[in-house]
Amino acid sequence: MYLKKVDSQKAKNLADRMPFITGTWFLKMSDSGTVAKNYKGQILYTCMAPLDLQMALESKEFTHVEY
């Protein structure tokens, strides 16, 4: 699984809906290049601070980031 940075408009929308979260917004992507979804079919997003992102990459939680 890897991360893909969301565009600025979508990031603003997400930040407006969840103002208590700070960091950069990403889409979770499957290794096949499709957007990851939960069992209800909802698209999975994550918001990560730079240190959290670095730790997730080092621990191999995500393979890479697309900007």
Protein backbone atom coordinates (compact mmCIF):
# COMPACT_ATOMS: atom_id res chain seq x y z
CA MET A 1 0.00 0.00 0.00
CA TYR A 2 1.23 3.50 -0.76
CA LEU A 3 0.06 7.08 -0.31
CA LYS A 4 -0.94 9.67 -2.90
CA LYS A 5 -1.17 13.31 -1.89
CA VAL A 6 -4.64 14.75 -2.47
CA ASP A 7 -5.11 17.95 -4.45
CA SER A 8 -5.34 21.25 -2.59
CA GLN A 9 -9.13 21.62 -2.95
CA LYS A 10 -9.82 18.13 -1.56
CA ALA A 11 -7.32 18.74 1.26
CA LYS A 12 -9.15 21.97 2.15
CA ASN A 13 -12.50 20.15 2.16
CA LEU A 14 -11.13 17.42 4.43
CA ALA A 15 -9.51 19.96 6.75
CA ASP A 16 -12.78 21.90 6.98
CA ARG A 17 -14.64 18.72 7.95
CA MET A 18 -11.98 17.66 10.48
CA PRO A 19 -10.29 20.84 11.77
CA PHE A 20 -8.78 19.08 14.78
CA ILE A 21 -6.37 17.13 12.53
CA THR A 22 -3.20 18.74 11.18
CA GLY A 23 -0.77 17.51 8.56
CA THR A 24 -0.81 16.54 4.90
CA TRP A 25 -3.78 14.65 3.48
CA PHE A 26 -3.21 11.50 1.43
CA LEU A 27 -5.30 8.88 -0.35
CA LYS A 28 -4.44 5.32 0.57
CA MET A 29 -3.65 3.43 -2.63
CA SER A 30 -3.39 -0.33 -3.16
CA ASP A 31 -0.28 -1.75 -4.77
CA SER A 32 -2.24 -2.25 -7.99
CA GLY A 33 -2.78 1.52 -8.26
CA THR A 34 -6.44 1.61 -7.27
CA VAL A 35 -7.85 3.72 -4.46
CA ALA A 36 -8.16 1.71 -1.24
CA LYS A 37 -11.66 1.41 0.21
CA ASN A 38 -13.13 0.01 3.40
CA TYR A 39 -15.70 -2.78 3.52
CA LYS A 40 -18.49 -0.22 2.98
CA GLY A 41 -16.86 1.05 -0.21
CA GLN A 42 -15.73 4.34 1.32
CA ILE A 43 -12.44 5.82 0.09
CA LEU A 44 -9.67 5.74 2.69
CA TYR A 45 -7.82 8.96 3.51
CA THR A 46 -5.14 9.66 6.08
CA CYS A 47 -3.61 12.86 7.42
CA MET A 48 -0.01 12.67 8.55
CA ALA A 49 2.53 15.04 10.03
CA PRO A 50 6.02 14.80 8.49
CA LEU A 51 7.44 12.74 11.38
CA ASP A 52 4.49 10.32 11.29
CA LEU A 53 4.93 9.92 7.54
CA GLN A 54 8.65 9.22 7.95
CA MET A 55 7.96 6.59 10.63
CA ALA A 56 5.26 4.92 8.50
CA LEU A 57 7.64 4.67 5.56
CA GLU A 58 10.51 3.37 7.69
CA SER A 59 8.28 0.71 9.26
CA LYS A 60 7.07 -0.32 5.77
CA GLU A 61 3.44 0.51 6.61
CA PHE A 62 3.46 2.30 3.22
CA THR A 63 5.89 1.60 0.41
CA HIS A 64 6.17 5.12 -1.01
CA VAL A 65 4.45 8.48 -1.47
CA GLU A 66 3.30 10.08 -4.74
CA TYR A 67 3.16 13.86 -4.72
